[in-house]
Amino acid sequence: MPKTFREKVYHIVSQIPKGEVLSYKEVAELAGSPRAYRAVGNLMHNNPNPSHVPCHRVIASNYGLGGFAYGTAAKIKKLKAEGWKIKDHKLNK
Protein backbone atom coordinates (compact mmCIF):
# COMPACT_ATOMS: atom_id res chain seq x y z
CA MET A 1 0.00 0.00 0.00
CA PRO A 2 1.46 3.41 -0.98
CA LYS A 3 2.43 5.53 2.01
CA THR A 4 4.10 8.72 0.83
CA PHE A 5 2.35 11.37 -1.24
CA ARG A 6 4.65 10.52 -4.14
CA GLU A 7 3.83 6.80 -3.93
CA LYS A 8 0.11 7.57 -3.73
CA VAL A 9 0.25 9.84 -6.78
CA TYR A 10 2.17 7.35 -8.92
CA HIS A 11 -0.20 4.56 -7.83
CA ILE A 12 -3.29 6.63 -8.69
CA VAL A 13 -1.94 7.65 -12.09
CA SER A 14 -0.87 4.08 -12.88
CA GLN A 15 -4.55 3.10 -12.47
CA ILE A 16 -5.96 5.60 -15.01
CA PRO A 17 -7.38 3.45 -17.82
CA LYS A 18 -6.47 3.99 -21.45
CA GLY A 19 -8.76 6.64 -22.93
CA GLU A 20 -9.50 8.25 -19.56
CA VAL A 21 -7.90 11.25 -17.85
CA LEU A 22 -7.75 12.85 -14.43
CA SER A 23 -6.86 16.43 -13.62
CA TYR A 24 -3.85 17.34 -11.52
CA LYS A 25 -6.34 18.50 -8.87
CA GLU A 26 -8.30 15.22 -8.96
CA VAL A 27 -5.08 13.24 -8.49
CA ALA A 28 -4.10 15.47 -5.56
CA GLU A 29 -7.53 14.99 -3.98
CA LEU A 30 -7.40 11.21 -4.43
CA ALA A 31 -3.92 11.21 -2.85
CA GLY A 32 -5.32 12.98 0.21
CA SER A 33 -3.81 16.43 -0.41
CA PRO A 34 -6.38 18.45 -2.37
CA ARG A 35 -4.27 21.60 -2.63
CA ALA A 36 -1.14 19.80 -3.85
CA TYR A 37 -2.00 19.85 -7.55
CA ARG A 38 1.24 21.68 -8.43
CA ALA A 39 3.18 18.97 -6.63
CA VAL A 40 1.33 16.41 -8.76
CA GLY A 41 2.49 18.32 -11.85
CA ASN A 42 6.08 18.23 -10.63
CA LEU A 43 5.86 14.50 -9.96
CA MET A 44 4.45 13.90 -13.45
CA HIS A 45 7.26 15.96 -14.97
CA ASN A 46 9.82 13.82 -13.12
CA ASN A 47 8.03 10.50 -13.66
CA PRO A 48 10.75 7.81 -13.62
CA ASN A 49 8.58 5.16 -15.30
CA PRO A 50 6.23 6.62 -17.95
CA SER A 51 5.45 3.19 -19.40
CA HIS A 52 3.93 2.13 -16.05
CA VAL A 53 2.71 5.55 -14.86
CA PRO A 54 0.89 7.14 -17.84
CA CYS A 55 1.48 10.77 -16.92
CA HIS A 56 0.10 11.91 -20.30
CA ARG A 57 -3.34 11.07 -18.88
CA VAL A 58 -3.08 13.85 -16.28
CA ILE A 59 -4.44 17.17 -17.52
CA ALA A 60 -5.54 20.60 -16.30
CA SER A 61 -8.95 20.97 -14.64
CA ASN A 62 -10.26 22.95 -17.62
CA TYR A 63 -9.34 20.06 -19.96
CA GLY A 64 -6.23 21.92 -21.05
CA LEU A 65 -3.26 19.73 -21.82
CA GLY A 66 -0.98 20.87 -19.04
CA GLY A 67 2.69 20.03 -19.40
CA PHE A 68 4.53 16.93 -20.44
CA ALA A 69 8.18 16.09 -19.89
CA TYR A 70 8.51 14.84 -23.47
CA GLY A 71 6.83 17.89 -25.03
CA THR A 72 3.31 18.92 -25.88
CA ALA A 73 3.40 17.29 -29.33
CA ALA A 74 4.18 13.90 -27.75
CA LYS A 75 1.33 14.32 -25.23
CA ILE A 76 -1.09 15.24 -28.02
CA LYS A 77 -0.01 12.20 -30.05
CA LYS A 78 -0.54 9.84 -27.10
CA LEU A 79 -3.93 11.29 -26.20
CA LYS A 80 -5.13 11.21 -29.83
CA ALA A 81 -4.07 7.56 -30.02
CA GLU A 82 -6.40 6.93 -27.06
CA GLY A 83 -9.39 8.54 -28.79
CA TRP A 84 -9.21 12.14 -27.64
CA LYS A 85 -9.77 15.07 -29.98
CA ILE A 86 -7.74 18.17 -29.24
CA LYS A 87 -8.65 21.69 -30.26
CA ASP A 88 -6.88 24.83 -29.06
CA HIS A 89 -4.81 22.70 -26.64
CA LYS A 90 -7.96 21.37 -24.93
CA LEU A 91 -9.36 17.84 -24.90
CA ASN A 92 -12.69 16.84 -26.37
CA LYS A 93 -14.01 13.25 -26.46
PDB file of N, CA and C in Angstrom:
ATOM      1  N   MET A   1       0.843  -1.187   0.000  1.00  0.00           N
ATOM      2  CA  MET A   1       0.000   0.000   0.000  1.00  0.00           C
ATOM      3  C   MET A   1       0.888   1.251   0.000  1.00  0.00           C
ATOM      4  N   PRO A   2       0.625   2.194  -0.928  1.00  0.00           N
ATOM      5  CA  PRO A   2       1.455   3.407  -0.978  1.00  0.00           C
ATOM      6  C   PRO A   2       1.323   4.227   0.303  1.00  0.00           C
ATOM      7  N   LYS A   3       2.443   4.777   0.752  1.00  0.00           N
ATOM      8  CA  LYS A   3       2.433   5.526   2.006  1.00  0.00           C
ATOM      9  C   LYS A   3       2.741   6.997   1.811  1.00  0.00           C
ATOM     10  N   THR A   4       3.743   7.319   1.012  1.00  0.00           N
ATOM     11  CA  THR A   4       4.100   8.723   0.827  1.00  0.00           C
ATOM     12  C   THR A   4       3.186   9.345  -0.225  1.00  0.00           C
ATOM     13  N   PHE A   5       3.140  10.664  -0.236  1.00  0.00           N
ATOM     14  CA  PHE A   5       2.353  11.369  -1.240  1.00  0.00           C
ATOM     15  C   PHE A   5       2.803  10.960  -2.641  1.00  0.00           C
ATOM     16  N   ARG A   6       4.094  10.907  -2.841  1.00  0.00           N
ATOM     17  CA  ARG A   6       4.647  10.518  -4.143  1.00  0.00           C
ATOM     18  C   ARG A   6       4.169   9.121  -4.547  1.00  0.00           C
ATOM     19  N   GLU A   7       4.273   8.169  -3.644  1.00  0.00           N
ATOM     20  CA  GLU A   7       3.830   6.799  -3.934  1.00  0.00           C
ATOM     21  C   GLU A   7       2.335   6.760  -4.255  1.00  0.00           C
ATOM     22  N   LYS A   8       1.552   7.525  -3.492  1.00  0.00           N
ATOM     23  CA  LYS A   8       0.112   7.567  -3.729  1.00  0.00           C
ATOM     24  C   LYS A   8      -0.192   8.125  -5.118  1.00  0.00           C
ATOM     25  N   VAL A   9       0.480   9.213  -5.480  1.00  0.00           N
ATOM     26  CA  VAL A   9       0.251   9.840  -6.784  1.00  0.00           C
ATOM     27  C   VAL A   9       0.604   8.881  -7.910  1.00  0.00           C
ATOM     28  N   TYR A  10       1.772   8.273  -7.855  1.00  0.00           N
ATOM     29  CA  TYR A  10       2.166   7.348  -8.923  1.00  0.00           C
ATOM     30  C   TYR A  10       1.221   6.141  -8.990  1.00  0.00           C
ATOM     31  N   HIS A  11       0.747   5.680  -7.833  1.00  0.00           N
ATOM     32  CA  HIS A  11      -0.202   4.564  -7.826  1.00  0.00           C
ATOM     33  C   HIS A  11      -1.521   4.975  -8.490  1.00  0.00           C
ATOM     34  N   ILE A  12      -2.035   6.139  -8.127  1.00  0.00           N
ATOM     35  CA  ILE A  12      -3.294   6.632  -8.694  1.00  0.00           C
ATOM     36  C   ILE A  12      -3.171   6.784 -10.206  1.00  0.00           C
ATOM     37  N   VAL A  13      -2.110   7.411 -10.656  1.00  0.00           N
ATOM     38  CA  VAL A  13      -1.936   7.647 -12.093  1.00  0.00           C
ATOM     39  C   VAL A  13      -1.734   6.328 -12.831  1.00  0.00           C
ATOM     40  N   SER A  14      -1.076   5.370 -12.213  1.00  0.00           N
ATOM     41  CA  SER A  14      -0.869   4.080 -12.880  1.00  0.00           C
ATOM     42  C   SER A  14      -2.189   3.345 -13.094  1.00  0.00           C
ATOM     43  N   GLN A  15      -3.245   3.743 -12.360  1.00  0.00           N
ATOM     44  CA  GLN A  15      -4.551   3.098 -12.471  1.00  0.00           C
ATOM     45  C   GLN A  15      -5.495   3.791 -13.462  1.00  0.00           C
ATOM     46  N   ILE A  16      -5.087   4.908 -14.053  1.00  0.00           N
ATOM     47  CA  ILE A  16      -5.956   5.604 -15.008  1.00  0.00           C
ATOM     48  C   ILE A  16      -6.042   4.752 -16.270  1.00  0.00           C
ATOM     49  N   PRO A  17      -7.239   4.310 -16.637  1.00  0.00           N
ATOM     50  CA  PRO A  17      -7.376   3.448 -17.818  1.00  0.00           C
ATOM     51  C   PRO A  17      -7.093   4.190 -19.117  1.00  0.00           C
ATOM     52  N   LYS A  18      -6.691   3.453 -20.112  1.00  0.00           N
ATOM     53  CA  LYS A  18      -6.466   3.994 -21.446  1.00  0.00           C
ATOM     54  C   LYS A  18      -7.750   4.682 -21.914  1.00  0.00           C
ATOM     55  N   GLY A  19      -7.612   5.886 -22.454  1.00  0.00           N
ATOM     56  CA  GLY A  19      -8.763   6.636 -22.931  1.00  0.00           C
ATOM     57  C   GLY A  19      -9.425   7.500 -21.881  1.00  0.00           C
ATOM     58  N   GLU A  20      -8.954   7.427 -20.643  1.00  0.00           N
ATOM     59  CA  GLU A  20      -9.497   8.246 -19.558  1.00  0.00           C
ATOM     60  C   GLU A  20      -8.414   9.220 -19.086  1.00  0.00           C
ATOM     61  N   VAL A  21      -8.835  10.272 -18.405  1.00  0.00           N
ATOM     62  CA  VAL A  21      -7.900  11.250 -17.850  1.00  0.00           C
ATOM     63  C   VAL A  21      -8.365  11.660 -16.456  1.00  0.00           C
ATOM     64  N   LEU A  22      -7.448  12.192 -15.696  1.00  0.00           N
ATOM     65  CA  LEU A  22      -7.747  12.853 -14.428  1.00  0.00           C
ATOM     66  C   LEU A  22      -7.023  14.188 -14.445  1.00  0.00           C
ATOM     67  N   SER A  23      -7.553  15.159 -13.734  1.00  0.00           N
ATOM     68  CA  SER A  23      -6.862  16.433 -13.624  1.00  0.00           C
ATOM     69  C   SER A  23      -5.798  16.345 -12.527  1.00  0.00           C
ATOM     70  N   TYR A  24      -4.859  17.275 -12.569  1.00  0.00           N
ATOM     71  CA  TYR A  24      -3.849  17.345 -11.516  1.00  0.00           C
ATOM     72  C   TYR A  24      -4.539  17.481 -10.161  1.00  0.00           C
ATOM     73  N   LYS A  25      -5.601  18.285 -10.117  1.00  0.00           N
ATOM     74  CA  LYS A  25      -6.338  18.496  -8.872  1.00  0.00           C
ATOM     75  C   LYS A  25      -7.025  17.214  -8.409  1.00  0.00           C
ATOM     76  N   GLU A  26      -7.638  16.475  -9.330  1.00  0.00           N
ATOM     77  CA  GLU A  26      -8.298  15.222  -8.958  1.00  0.00           C
ATOM     78  C   GLU A  26      -7.292  14.223  -8.390  1.00  0.00           C
ATOM     79  N   VAL A  27      -6.120  14.150  -8.996  1.00  0.00           N
ATOM     80  CA  VAL A  27      -5.082  13.238  -8.494  1.00  0.00           C
ATOM     81  C   VAL A  27      -4.669  13.667  -7.089  1.00  0.00           C
ATOM     82  N   ALA A  28      -4.469  14.966  -6.881  1.00  0.00           N
ATOM     83  CA  ALA A  28      -4.097  15.468  -5.555  1.00  0.00           C
ATOM     84  C   ALA A  28      -5.164  15.121  -4.515  1.00  0.00           C
ATOM     85  N   GLU A  29      -6.429  15.307  -4.891  1.00  0.00           N
ATOM     86  CA  GLU A  29      -7.529  14.985  -3.976  1.00  0.00           C
ATOM     87  C   GLU A  29      -7.542  13.498  -3.641  1.00  0.00           C
ATOM     88  N   LEU A  30      -7.399  12.659  -4.661  1.00  0.00           N
ATOM     89  CA  LEU A  30      -7.397  11.209  -4.426  1.00  0.00           C
ATOM     90  C   LEU A  30      -6.207  10.766  -3.573  1.00  0.00           C
ATOM     91  N   ALA A  31      -5.114  11.528  -3.646  1.00  0.00           N
ATOM     92  CA  ALA A  31      -3.922  11.210  -2.850  1.00  0.00           C
ATOM     93  C   ALA A  31      -4.019  11.772  -1.431  1.00  0.00           C
ATOM     94  N   GLY A  32      -5.110  12.481  -1.142  1.00  0.00           N
ATOM     95  CA  GLY A  32      -5.319  12.983   0.213  1.00  0.00           C
ATOM     96  C   GLY A  32      -4.785  14.371   0.477  1.00  0.00           C
ATOM     97  N   SER A  33      -4.333  15.074  -0.566  1.00  0.00           N
ATOM     98  CA  SER A  33      -3.809  16.431  -0.407  1.00  0.00           C
ATOM     99  C   SER A  33      -4.412  17.334  -1.486  1.00  0.00           C
ATOM    100  N   PRO A  34      -5.655  17.761  -1.313  1.00  0.00           N
ATOM    101  CA  PRO A  34      -6.381  18.445  -2.374  1.00  0.00           C
ATOM    102  C   PRO A  34      -5.743  19.721  -2.915  1.00  0.00           C
ATOM    103  N   ARG A  35      -4.897  20.358  -2.157  1.00  0.00           N
ATOM    104  CA  ARG A  35      -4.272  21.596  -2.629  1.00  0.00           C
ATOM    105  C   ARG A  35      -2.899  21.364  -3.252  1.00  0.00           C
ATOM    106  N   ALA A  36      -2.490  20.122  -3.370  1.00  0.00           N
ATOM    107  CA  ALA A  36      -1.136  19.801  -3.848  1.00  0.00           C
ATOM    108  C   ALA A  36      -1.093  19.492  -5.344  1.00  0.00           C
ATOM    109  N   TYR A  37      -1.956  20.148  -6.120  1.00  0.00           N
ATOM    110  CA  TYR A  37      -1.996  19.850  -7.550  1.00  0.00           C
ATOM    111  C   TYR A  37      -0.722  20.269  -8.276  1.00  0.00           C
ATOM    112  N   ARG A  38      -0.046  21.299  -7.808  1.00  0.00           N
ATOM    113  CA  ARG A  38       1.236  21.683  -8.426  1.00  0.00           C
ATOM    114  C   ARG A  38       2.305  20.628  -8.139  1.00  0.00           C
ATOM    115  N   ALA A  39       2.248  20.052  -6.965  1.00  0.00           N
ATOM    116  CA  ALA A  39       3.177  18.969  -6.627  1.00  0.00           C
ATOM    117  C   ALA A  39       2.925  17.763  -7.525  1.00  0.00           C
ATOM    118  N   VAL A  40       1.655  17.496  -7.838  1.00  0.00           N
ATOM    119  CA  VAL A  40       1.331  16.409  -8.762  1.00  0.00           C
ATOM    120  C   VAL A  40       1.973  16.692 -10.119  1.00  0.00           C
ATOM    121  N   GLY A  41       1.867  17.939 -10.582  1.00  0.00           N
ATOM    122  CA  GLY A  41       2.489  18.318 -11.850  1.00  0.00           C
ATOM    123  C   GLY A  41       3.990  18.091 -11.842  1.00  0.00           C
ATOM    124  N   ASN A  42       4.636  18.443 -10.742  1.00  0.00           N
ATOM    125  CA  ASN A  42       6.083  18.227 -10.632  1.00  0.00           C
ATOM    126  C   ASN A  42       6.421  16.743 -10.640  1.00  0.00           C
ATOM    127  N   LEU A  43       5.616  15.944  -9.960  1.00  0.00           N
ATOM    128  CA  LEU A  43       5.856  14.498  -9.964  1.00  0.00           C
ATOM    129  C   LEU A  43       5.673  13.918 -11.362  1.00  0.00           C
ATOM    130  N   MET A  44       4.669  14.401 -12.087  1.00  0.00           N
ATOM    131  CA  MET A  44       4.449  13.899 -13.446  1.00  0.00           C
ATOM    132  C   MET A  44       5.613  14.293 -14.351  1.00  0.00           C
ATOM    133  N   HIS A  45       6.129  15.503 -14.159  1.00  0.00           N
ATOM    134  CA  HIS A  45       7.263  15.962 -14.967  1.00  0.00           C
ATOM    135  C   HIS A  45       8.509  15.110 -14.713  1.00  0.00           C
ATOM    136  N   ASN A  46       8.642  14.619 -13.505  1.00  0.00           N
ATOM    137  CA  ASN A  46       9.816  13.825 -13.124  1.00  0.00           C
ATOM    138  C   ASN A  46       9.510  12.333 -13.028  1.00  0.00           C
ATOM    139  N   ASN A  47       8.464  11.901 -13.691  1.00  0.00           N
ATOM    140  CA  ASN A  47       8.026  10.502 -13.657  1.00  0.00           C
ATOM    141  C   ASN A  47       9.161   9.572 -14.117  1.00  0.00           C
ATOM    142  N   PRO A  48       9.633   8.691 -13.246  1.00  0.00           N
ATOM    143  CA  PRO A  48      10.746   7.815 -13.618  1.00  0.00           C
ATOM    144  C   PRO A  48      10.332   6.615 -14.478  1.00  0.00           C
ATOM    145  N   ASN A  49       9.031   6.355 -14.590  1.00  0.00           N
ATOM    146  CA  ASN A  49       8.585   5.159 -15.299  1.00  0.00           C
ATOM    147  C   ASN A  49       7.319   5.447 -16.115  1.00  0.00           C
ATOM    148  N   PRO A  50       7.428   6.242 -17.200  1.00  0.00           N
ATOM    149  CA  PRO A  50       6.226   6.624 -17.949  1.00  0.00           C
ATOM    150  C   PRO A  50       5.497   5.457 -18.616  1.00  0.00           C
ATOM    151  N   SER A  51       6.152   4.333 -18.810  1.00  0.00           N
ATOM    152  CA  SER A  51       5.448   3.193 -19.402  1.00  0.00           C
ATOM    153  C   SER A  51       4.504   2.542 -18.388  1.00  0.00           C
ATOM    154  N   HIS A  52       4.796   2.687 -17.105  1.00  0.00           N
ATOM    155  CA  HIS A  52       3.932   2.130 -16.051  1.00  0.00           C
ATOM    156  C   HIS A  52       3.013   3.196 -15.449  1.00  0.00           C
ATOM    157  N   VAL A  53       3.475   4.436 -15.424  1.00  0.00           N
ATOM    158  CA  VAL A  53       2.706   5.546 -14.862  1.00  0.00           C
ATOM    159  C   VAL A  53       2.402   6.505 -16.019  1.00  0.00           C
ATOM    160  N   PRO A  54       1.217   6.369 -16.635  1.00  0.00           N
ATOM    161  CA  PRO A  54       0.894   7.137 -17.841  1.00  0.00           C
ATOM    162  C   PRO A  54       0.589   8.604 -17.555  1.00  0.00           C
ATOM    163  N   CYS A  55       1.644   9.374 -17.323  1.00  0.00           N
ATOM    164  CA  CYS A  55       1.484  10.768 -16.922  1.00  0.00           C
ATOM    165  C   CYS A  55       0.815  11.621 -18.001  1.00  0.00           C
ATOM    166  N   HIS A  56       0.794  11.144 -19.244  1.00  0.00           N
ATOM    167  CA  HIS A  56       0.103  11.906 -20.295  1.00  0.00           C
ATOM    168  C   HIS A  56      -1.403  11.950 -20.058  1.00  0.00           C
ATOM    169  N   ARG A  57      -1.910  11.108 -19.184  1.00  0.00           N
ATOM    170  CA  ARG A  57      -3.345  11.072 -18.876  1.00  0.00           C
ATOM    171  C   ARG A  57      -3.731  12.026 -17.748  1.00  0.00           C
ATOM    172  N   VAL A  58      -2.797  12.856 -17.309  1.00  0.00           N
ATOM    173  CA  VAL A  58      -3.080  13.854 -16.279  1.00  0.00           C
ATOM    174  C   VAL A  58      -3.090  15.217 -16.968  1.00  0.00           C
ATOM    175  N   ILE A  59      -4.206  15.925 -16.796  1.00  0.00           N
ATOM    176  CA  ILE A  59      -4.438  17.173 -17.519  1.00  0.00           C
ATOM    177  C   ILE A  59      -4.874  18.277 -16.556  1.00  0.00           C
ATOM    178  N   ALA A  60      -5.041  19.473 -17.096  1.00  0.00           N
ATOM    179  CA  ALA A  60      -5.539  20.598 -16.302  1.00  0.00           C
ATOM    180  C   ALA A  60      -7.041  20.432 -16.039  1.00  0.00           C
ATOM    181  N   SER A  61      -7.534  21.065 -15.012  1.00  0.00           N
ATOM    182  CA  SER A  61      -8.950  20.966 -14.637  1.00  0.00           C
ATOM    183  C   SER A  61      -9.888  21.467 -15.727  1.00  0.00           C
ATOM    184  N   ASN A  62      -9.428  22.393 -16.552  1.00  0.00           N
ATOM    185  CA  ASN A  62     -10.260  22.948 -17.619  1.00  0.00           C
ATOM    186  C   ASN A  62     -10.119  22.155 -18.925  1.00  0.00           C
ATOM    187  N   TYR A  63      -9.604  20.949 -18.824  1.00  0.00           N
ATOM    188  CA  TYR A  63      -9.344  20.055 -19.955  1.00  0.00           C
ATOM    189  C   TYR A  63      -8.221  20.567 -20.858  1.00  0.00           C
ATOM    190  N   GLY A  64      -7.443  21.510 -20.355  1.00  0.00           N
ATOM    191  CA  GLY A  64      -6.228  21.919 -21.051  1.00  0.00           C
ATOM    192  C   GLY A  64      -5.198  20.817 -20.916  1.00  0.00           C
ATOM    193  N   LEU A  65      -4.235  20.819 -21.804  1.00  0.00           N
ATOM    194  CA  LEU A  65      -3.259  19.732 -21.824  1.00  0.00           C
ATOM    195  C   LEU A  65      -2.336  19.705 -20.619  1.00  0.00           C
ATOM    196  N   GLY A  66      -1.996  20.860 -20.085  1.00  0.00           N
ATOM    197  CA  GLY A  66      -0.979  20.874 -19.042  1.00  0.00           C
ATOM    198  C   GLY A  66       0.372  20.592 -19.670  1.00  0.00           C
ATOM    199  N   GLY A  67       1.351  20.288 -18.878  1.00  0.00           N
ATOM    200  CA  GLY A  67       2.686  20.032 -19.401  1.00  0.00           C
ATOM    201  C   GLY A  67       2.932  18.561 -19.652  1.00  0.00           C
ATOM    202  N   PHE A  68       4.105  18.301 -20.201  1.00  0.00           N
ATOM    203  CA  PHE A  68       4.532  16.928 -20.443  1.00  0.00           C
ATOM    204  C   PHE A  68       6.038  16.944 -20.608  1.00  0.00           C
ATOM    205  N   ALA A  69       6.717  16.101 -19.878  1.00  0.00           N
ATOM    206  CA  ALA A  69       8.182  16.088 -19.886  1.00  0.00           C
ATOM    207  C   ALA A  69       8.761  15.852 -21.277  1.00  0.00           C
ATOM    208  N   TYR A  70       8.013  15.176 -22.130  1.00  0.00           N
ATOM    209  CA  TYR A  70       8.507  14.845 -23.468  1.00  0.00           C
ATOM    210  C   TYR A  70       7.978  15.793 -24.534  1.00  0.00           C
ATOM    211  N   GLY A  71       7.329  16.879 -24.111  1.00  0.00           N
ATOM    212  CA  GLY A  71       6.834  17.891 -25.025  1.00  0.00           C
ATOM    213  C   GLY A  71       5.348  17.758 -25.310  1.00  0.00           C
ATOM    214  N   THR A  72       4.745  18.881 -25.627  1.00  0.00           N
ATOM    215  CA  THR A  72       3.313  18.922 -25.884  1.00  0.00           C
ATOM    216  C   THR A  72       2.924  18.065 -27.080  1.00  0.00           C
ATOM    217  N   ALA A  73       3.726  18.082 -28.131  1.00  0.00           N
ATOM    218  CA  ALA A  73       3.399  17.292 -29.330  1.00  0.00           C
ATOM    219  C   ALA A  73       3.310  15.806 -28.995  1.00  0.00           C
ATOM    220  N   ALA A  74       4.195  15.320 -28.142  1.00  0.00           N
ATOM    221  CA  ALA A  74       4.175  13.905 -27.752  1.00  0.00           C
ATOM    222  C   ALA A  74       2.927  13.597 -26.922  1.00  0.00           C
ATOM    223  N   LYS A  75       2.534  14.524 -26.037  1.00  0.00           N
ATOM    224  CA  LYS A  75       1.332  14.324 -25.226  1.00  0.00           C
ATOM    225  C   LYS A  75       0.102  14.296 -26.128  1.00  0.00           C
ATOM    226  N   ILE A  76       0.032  15.208 -27.080  1.00  0.00           N
ATOM    227  CA  ILE A  76      -1.092  15.239 -28.025  1.00  0.00           C
ATOM    228  C   ILE A  76      -1.166  13.931 -28.799  1.00  0.00           C
ATOM    229  N   LYS A  77      -0.047  13.453 -29.278  1.00  0.00           N
ATOM    230  CA  LYS A  77      -0.014  12.202 -30.051  1.00  0.00           C
ATOM    231  C   LYS A  77      -0.541  11.031 -29.219  1.00  0.00           C
ATOM    232  N   LYS A  78      -0.099  10.929 -27.973  1.00  0.00           N
ATOM    233  CA  LYS A  78      -0.536   9.838 -27.100  1.00  0.00           C
ATOM    234  C   LYS A  78      -2.033   9.927 -26.808  1.00  0.00           C
ATOM    235  N   LEU A  79      -2.522  11.128 -26.513  1.00  0.00           N
ATOM    236  CA  LEU A  79      -3.935  11.289 -26.198  1.00  0.00           C
ATOM    237  C   LEU A  79      -4.813  11.033 -27.425  1.00  0.00           C
ATOM    238  N   LYS A  80      -4.378  11.488 -28.593  1.00  0.00           N
ATOM    239  CA  LYS A  80      -5.130  11.212 -29.829  1.00  0.00           C
ATOM    240  C   LYS A  80      -5.189   9.715 -30.097  1.00  0.00           C
ATOM    241  N   ALA A  81      -4.106   9.013 -29.823  1.00  0.00           N
ATOM    242  CA  ALA A  81      -4.069   7.560 -30.025  1.00  0.00           C
ATOM    243  C   ALA A  81      -5.061   6.848 -29.097  1.00  0.00           C
ATOM    244  N   GLU A  82      -5.442   7.503 -28.008  1.00  0.00           N
ATOM    245  CA  GLU A  82      -6.400   6.932 -27.061  1.00  0.00           C
ATOM    246  C   GLU A  82      -7.819   7.442 -27.296  1.00  0.00           C
ATOM    247  N   GLY A  83      -8.041   8.146 -28.410  1.00  0.00           N
ATOM    248  CA  GLY A  83      -9.386   8.543 -28.788  1.00  0.00           C
ATOM    249  C   GLY A  83      -9.791   9.969 -28.484  1.00  0.00           C
ATOM    250  N   TRP A  84      -8.886  10.758 -27.958  1.00  0.00           N
ATOM    251  CA  TRP A  84      -9.209  12.141 -27.641  1.00  0.00           C
ATOM    252  C   TRP A  84      -9.042  13.031 -28.863  1.00  0.00           C
ATOM    253  N   LYS A  85      -9.918  14.025 -28.972  1.00  0.00           N
ATOM    254  CA  LYS A  85      -9.772  15.075 -29.977  1.00  0.00           C
ATOM    255  C   LYS A  85      -9.232  16.293 -29.234  1.00  0.00           C
ATOM    256  N   ILE A  86      -8.361  17.027 -29.887  1.00  0.00           N
ATOM    257  CA  ILE A  86      -7.740  18.173 -29.237  1.00  0.00           C
ATOM    258  C   ILE A  86      -7.899  19.395 -30.128  1.00  0.00           C
ATOM    259  N   LYS A  87      -8.461  20.435 -29.541  1.00  0.00           N
ATOM    260  CA  LYS A  87      -8.646  21.694 -30.261  1.00  0.00           C
ATOM    261  C   LYS A  87      -8.219  22.822 -29.342  1.00  0.00           C
ATOM    262  N   ASP A  88      -7.383  23.693 -29.848  1.00  0.00           N
ATOM    263  CA  ASP A  88      -6.879  24.831 -29.060  1.00  0.00           C
ATOM    264  C   ASP A  88      -6.258  24.374 -27.746  1.00  0.00           C
ATOM    265  N   HIS A  89      -5.506  23.295 -27.791  1.00  0.00           N
ATOM    266  CA  HIS A  89      -4.813  22.702 -26.639  1.00  0.00           C
ATOM    267  C   HIS A  89      -5.753  22.279 -25.525  1.00  0.00           C
ATOM    268  N   LYS A  90      -6.993  21.897 -25.894  1.00  0.00           N
ATOM    269  CA  LYS A  90      -7.956  21.373 -24.930  1.00  0.00           C
ATOM    270  C   LYS A  90      -8.514  20.051 -25.447  1.00  0.00           C
ATOM    271  N   LEU A  91      -8.839  19.154 -24.531  1.00  0.00           N
ATOM    272  CA  LEU A  91      -9.355  17.840 -24.899  1.00  0.00           C
ATOM    273  C   LEU A  91     -10.857  17.859 -25.113  1.00  0.00           C
ATOM    274  N   ASN A  92     -11.284  17.073 -26.091  1.00  0.00           N
ATOM    275  CA  ASN A  92     -12.695  16.836 -26.367  1.00  0.00           C
ATOM    276  C   ASN A  92     -12.805  15.353 -26.668  1.00  0.00           C
ATOM    277  N   LYS A  93     -13.823  14.685 -26.178  1.00  0.00           N
ATOM    278  CA  LYS A  93     -14.009  13.252 -26.458  1.00  0.00           C
ATOM    279  C   LYS A  93     -14.874  13.092 -27.667  1.00  0.00           C
TER     280      LYS A  93
END
